[in-house]
Amino acid sequence: MEKPSEVVSQVLVVGGGVAGIQSALDLANAGYKVYLVEKKPSIGGV
């Protein structure tokens, strides 16, 4: 009998603008482990 595999719920959000931040928050609230990356030194968009 096979041992059940572990499912890890992780997501990578690319872009720290308003949409990226909101997506990251929504996913985190849904129980995902979220990684948010932004190429600039701060998040928030233009």
PDB file of N, CA and C in Angstrom:
ATOM      1  N   MET A   1       0.850  -1.180   0.000  1.00  0.00           N
ATOM      2  CA  MET A   1       0.000   0.000   0.000  1.00  0.00           C
ATOM      3  C   MET A   1       0.893   1.239   0.000  1.00  0.00           C
ATOM      4  N   GLU A   2       0.567   2.172  -0.900  1.00  0.00           N
ATOM      5  CA  GLU A   2       1.357   3.394  -0.986  1.00  0.00           C
ATOM      6  C   GLU A   2       1.049   4.338   0.160  1.00  0.00           C
ATOM      7  N   LYS A   3       2.097   4.995   0.617  1.00  0.00           N
ATOM      8  CA  LYS A   3       1.931   6.016   1.645  1.00  0.00           C
ATOM      9  C   LYS A   3       1.418   7.287   0.968  1.00  0.00           C
ATOM     10  N   PRO A   4       0.400   7.941   1.536  1.00  0.00           N
ATOM     11  CA  PRO A   4      -0.106   9.177   0.920  1.00  0.00           C
ATOM     12  C   PRO A   4       0.985  10.238   0.867  1.00  0.00           C
ATOM     13  N   SER A   5       1.065  10.932  -0.256  1.00  0.00           N
ATOM     14  CA  SER A   5       2.065  11.990  -0.376  1.00  0.00           C
ATOM     15  C   SER A   5       1.548  13.266   0.265  1.00  0.00           C
ATOM     16  N   GLU A   6       2.491  14.048   0.749  1.00  0.00           N
ATOM     17  CA  GLU A   6       2.145  15.313   1.391  1.00  0.00           C
ATOM     18  C   GLU A   6       1.927  16.375   0.316  1.00  0.00           C
ATOM     19  N   VAL A   7       0.840  17.105   0.426  1.00  0.00           N
ATOM     20  CA  VAL A   7       0.556  18.192  -0.501  1.00  0.00           C
ATOM     21  C   VAL A   7       0.919  19.500   0.185  1.00  0.00           C
ATOM     22  N   VAL A   8       1.819  20.229  -0.440  1.00  0.00           N
ATOM     23  CA  VAL A   8       2.251  21.511   0.105  1.00  0.00           C
ATOM     24  C   VAL A   8       1.643  22.607  -0.755  1.00  0.00           C
ATOM     25  N   SER A   9       0.877  23.458  -0.132  1.00  0.00           N
ATOM     26  CA  SER A   9       0.200  24.532  -0.859  1.00  0.00           C
ATOM     27  C   SER A   9       1.021  25.806  -0.760  1.00  0.00           C
ATOM     28  N   GLN A  10       1.823  26.031  -1.787  1.00  0.00           N
ATOM     29  CA  GLN A  10       2.663  27.218  -1.844  1.00  0.00           C
ATOM     30  C   GLN A  10       2.395  27.931  -3.156  1.00  0.00           C
ATOM     31  N   VAL A  11       2.540  29.239  -3.138  1.00  0.00           N
ATOM     32  CA  VAL A  11       2.333  30.020  -4.354  1.00  0.00           C
ATOM     33  C   VAL A  11       3.351  31.150  -4.398  1.00  0.00           C
ATOM     34  N   LEU A  12       3.775  31.487  -5.603  1.00  0.00           N
ATOM     35  CA  LEU A  12       4.703  32.589  -5.828  1.00  0.00           C
ATOM     36  C   LEU A  12       3.956  33.689  -6.565  1.00  0.00           C
ATOM     37  N   VAL A  13       3.912  34.873  -5.971  1.00  0.00           N
ATOM     38  CA  VAL A  13       3.297  36.037  -6.604  1.00  0.00           C
ATOM     39  C   VAL A  13       4.434  36.932  -7.083  1.00  0.00           C
ATOM     40  N   VAL A  14       4.451  37.200  -8.384  1.00  0.00           N
ATOM     41  CA  VAL A  14       5.500  38.025  -8.979  1.00  0.00           C
ATOM     42  C   VAL A  14       4.931  39.414  -9.213  1.00  0.00           C
ATOM     43  N   GLY A  15       5.489  40.389  -8.524  1.00  0.00           N
ATOM     44  CA  GLY A  15       5.043  41.773  -8.659  1.00  0.00           C
ATOM     45  C   GLY A  15       4.399  42.271  -7.388  1.00  0.00           C
ATOM     46  N   GLY A  16       4.944  43.344  -6.859  1.00  0.00           N
ATOM     47  CA  GLY A  16       4.466  43.892  -5.595  1.00  0.00           C
ATOM     48  C   GLY A  16       3.624  45.135  -5.757  1.00  0.00           C
ATOM     49  N   GLY A  17       2.895  45.223  -6.867  1.00  0.00           N
ATOM     50  CA  GLY A  17       1.953  46.331  -7.037  1.00  0.00           C
ATOM     51  C   GLY A  17       0.680  46.051  -6.265  1.00  0.00           C
ATOM     52  N   VAL A  18      -0.314  46.880  -6.470  1.00  0.00           N
ATOM     53  CA  VAL A  18      -1.574  46.741  -5.738  1.00  0.00           C
ATOM     54  C   VAL A  18      -2.198  45.370  -5.982  1.00  0.00           C
ATOM     55  N   ALA A  19      -2.244  44.929  -7.240  1.00  0.00           N
ATOM     56  CA  ALA A  19      -2.856  43.631  -7.562  1.00  0.00           C
ATOM     57  C   ALA A  19      -2.062  42.473  -6.962  1.00  0.00           C
ATOM     58  N   GLY A  20      -0.729  42.551  -7.021  1.00  0.00           N
ATOM     59  CA  GLY A  20       0.098  41.494  -6.454  1.00  0.00           C
ATOM     60  C   GLY A  20      -0.045  41.391  -4.948  1.00  0.00           C
ATOM     61  N   ILE A  21      -0.084  42.531  -4.284  1.00  0.00           N
ATOM     62  CA  ILE A  21      -0.250  42.544  -2.826  1.00  0.00           C
ATOM     63  C   ILE A  21      -1.607  41.974  -2.442  1.00  0.00           C
ATOM     64  N   GLN A  22      -2.659  42.384  -3.142  1.00  0.00           N
ATOM     65  CA  GLN A  22      -3.999  41.886  -2.830  1.00  0.00           C
ATOM     66  C   GLN A  22      -4.096  40.387  -3.093  1.00  0.00           C
ATOM     67  N   SER A  23      -3.504  39.936  -4.189  1.00  0.00           N
ATOM     68  CA  SER A  23      -3.496  38.504  -4.491  1.00  0.00           C
ATOM     69  C   SER A  23      -2.778  37.724  -3.400  1.00  0.00           C
ATOM     70  N   ALA A  24      -1.633  38.230  -2.963  1.00  0.00           N
ATOM     71  CA  ALA A  24      -0.869  37.568  -1.908  1.00  0.00           C
ATOM     72  C   ALA A  24      -1.673  37.493  -0.612  1.00  0.00           C
ATOM     73  N   LEU A  25      -2.353  38.570  -0.262  1.00  0.00           N
ATOM     74  CA  LEU A  25      -3.176  38.576   0.954  1.00  0.00           C
ATOM     75  C   LEU A  25      -4.334  37.594   0.853  1.00  0.00           C
ATOM     76  N   ASP A  26      -5.014  37.588  -0.294  1.00  0.00           N
ATOM     77  CA  ASP A  26      -6.139  36.669  -0.485  1.00  0.00           C
ATOM     78  C   ASP A  26      -5.688  35.215  -0.403  1.00  0.00           C
ATOM     79  N   LEU A  27      -4.573  34.904  -1.036  1.00  0.00           N
ATOM     80  CA  LEU A  27      -4.060  33.537  -1.012  1.00  0.00           C
ATOM     81  C   LEU A  27      -3.610  33.133   0.389  1.00  0.00           C
ATOM     82  N   ALA A  28      -2.961  34.040   1.105  1.00  0.00           N
ATOM     83  CA  ALA A  28      -2.534  33.750   2.477  1.00  0.00           C
ATOM     84  C   ALA A  28      -3.744  33.503   3.373  1.00  0.00           C
ATOM     85  N   ASN A  29      -4.779  34.302   3.201  1.00  0.00           N
ATOM     86  CA  ASN A  29      -6.000  34.109   3.993  1.00  0.00           C
ATOM     87  C   ASN A  29      -6.701  32.798   3.652  1.00  0.00           C
ATOM     88  N   ALA A  30      -6.465  32.285   2.444  1.00  0.00           N
ATOM     89  CA  ALA A  30      -7.048  31.006   2.030  1.00  0.00           C
ATOM     90  C   ALA A  30      -6.207  29.824   2.506  1.00  0.00           C
ATOM     91  N   GLY A  31      -5.085  30.105   3.174  1.00  0.00           N
ATOM     92  CA  GLY A  31      -4.284  29.040   3.758  1.00  0.00           C
ATOM     93  C   GLY A  31      -3.023  28.667   2.993  1.00  0.00           C
ATOM     94  N   TYR A  32      -2.714  29.379   1.929  1.00  0.00           N
ATOM     95  CA  TYR A  32      -1.510  29.093   1.166  1.00  0.00           C
ATOM     96  C   TYR A  32      -0.297  29.758   1.809  1.00  0.00           C
ATOM     97  N   LYS A  33       0.865  29.128   1.637  1.00  0.00           N
ATOM     98  CA  LYS A  33       2.122  29.769   2.004  1.00  0.00           C
ATOM     99  C   LYS A  33       2.514  30.612   0.799  1.00  0.00           C
ATOM    100  N   VAL A  34       2.685  31.910   0.997  1.00  0.00           N
ATOM    101  CA  VAL A  34       2.861  32.840  -0.114  1.00  0.00           C
ATOM    102  C   VAL A  34       4.262  33.435  -0.109  1.00  0.00           C
ATOM    103  N   TYR A  35       4.861  33.470  -1.291  1.00  0.00           N
ATOM    104  CA  TYR A  35       6.115  34.176  -1.519  1.00  0.00           C
ATOM    105  C   TYR A  35       5.801  35.314  -2.477  1.00  0.00           C
ATOM    106  N   LEU A  36       6.077  36.537  -2.077  1.00  0.00           N
ATOM    107  CA  LEU A  36       5.843  37.722  -2.894  1.00  0.00           C
ATOM    108  C   LEU A  36       7.196  38.303  -3.277  1.00  0.00           C
ATOM    109  N   VAL A  37       7.449  38.429  -4.578  1.00  0.00           N
ATOM    110  CA  VAL A  37       8.725  38.983  -5.034  1.00  0.00           C
ATOM    111  C   VAL A  37       8.485  40.240  -5.865  1.00  0.00           C
ATOM    112  N   GLU A  38       9.390  41.184  -5.697  1.00  0.00           N
ATOM    113  CA  GLU A  38       9.320  42.459  -6.411  1.00  0.00           C
ATOM    114  C   GLU A  38      10.746  42.847  -6.779  1.00  0.00           C
ATOM    115  N   LYS A  39      10.946  43.344  -7.994  1.00  0.00           N
ATOM    116  CA  LYS A  39      12.304  43.696  -8.430  1.00  0.00           C
ATOM    117  C   LYS A  39      12.811  44.992  -7.816  1.00  0.00           C
ATOM    118  N   LYS A  40      11.904  45.852  -7.404  1.00  0.00           N
ATOM    119  CA  LYS A  40      12.311  47.116  -6.789  1.00  0.00           C
ATOM    120  C   LYS A  40      12.487  46.935  -5.278  1.00  0.00           C
ATOM    121  N   PRO A  41      13.155  47.871  -4.599  1.00  0.00           N
ATOM    122  CA  PRO A  41      13.408  47.722  -3.162  1.00  0.00           C
ATOM    123  C   PRO A  41      12.164  47.840  -2.280  1.00  0.00           C
ATOM    124  N   SER A  42      11.063  48.353  -2.823  1.00  0.00           N
ATOM    125  CA  SER A  42       9.849  48.476  -2.009  1.00  0.00           C
ATOM    126  C   SER A  42       8.639  48.018  -2.820  1.00  0.00           C
ATOM    127  N   ILE A  43       7.568  47.679  -2.119  1.00  0.00           N
ATOM    128  CA  ILE A  43       6.349  47.244  -2.792  1.00  0.00           C
ATOM    129  C   ILE A  43       5.337  48.385  -2.816  1.00  0.00           C
ATOM    130  N   GLY A  44       4.319  48.250  -3.642  1.00  0.00           N
ATOM    131  CA  GLY A  44       3.267  49.255  -3.683  1.00  0.00           C
ATOM    132  C   GLY A  44       2.993  49.813  -5.063  1.00  0.00           C
ATOM    133  N   GLY A  45       3.843  49.507  -6.018  1.00  0.00           N
ATOM    134  CA  GLY A  45       3.616  49.994  -7.377  1.00  0.00           C
ATOM    135  C   GLY A  45       4.123  51.399  -7.587  1.00  0.00           C
ATOM    136  N   VAL A  46       3.679  51.980  -8.685  1.00  0.00           N
ATOM    137  CA  VAL A  46       4.167  53.301  -9.109  1.00  0.00           C
ATOM    138  C   VAL A  46       3.676  54.382  -8.187  1.00  0.00           C
TER     139      VAL A  46
END
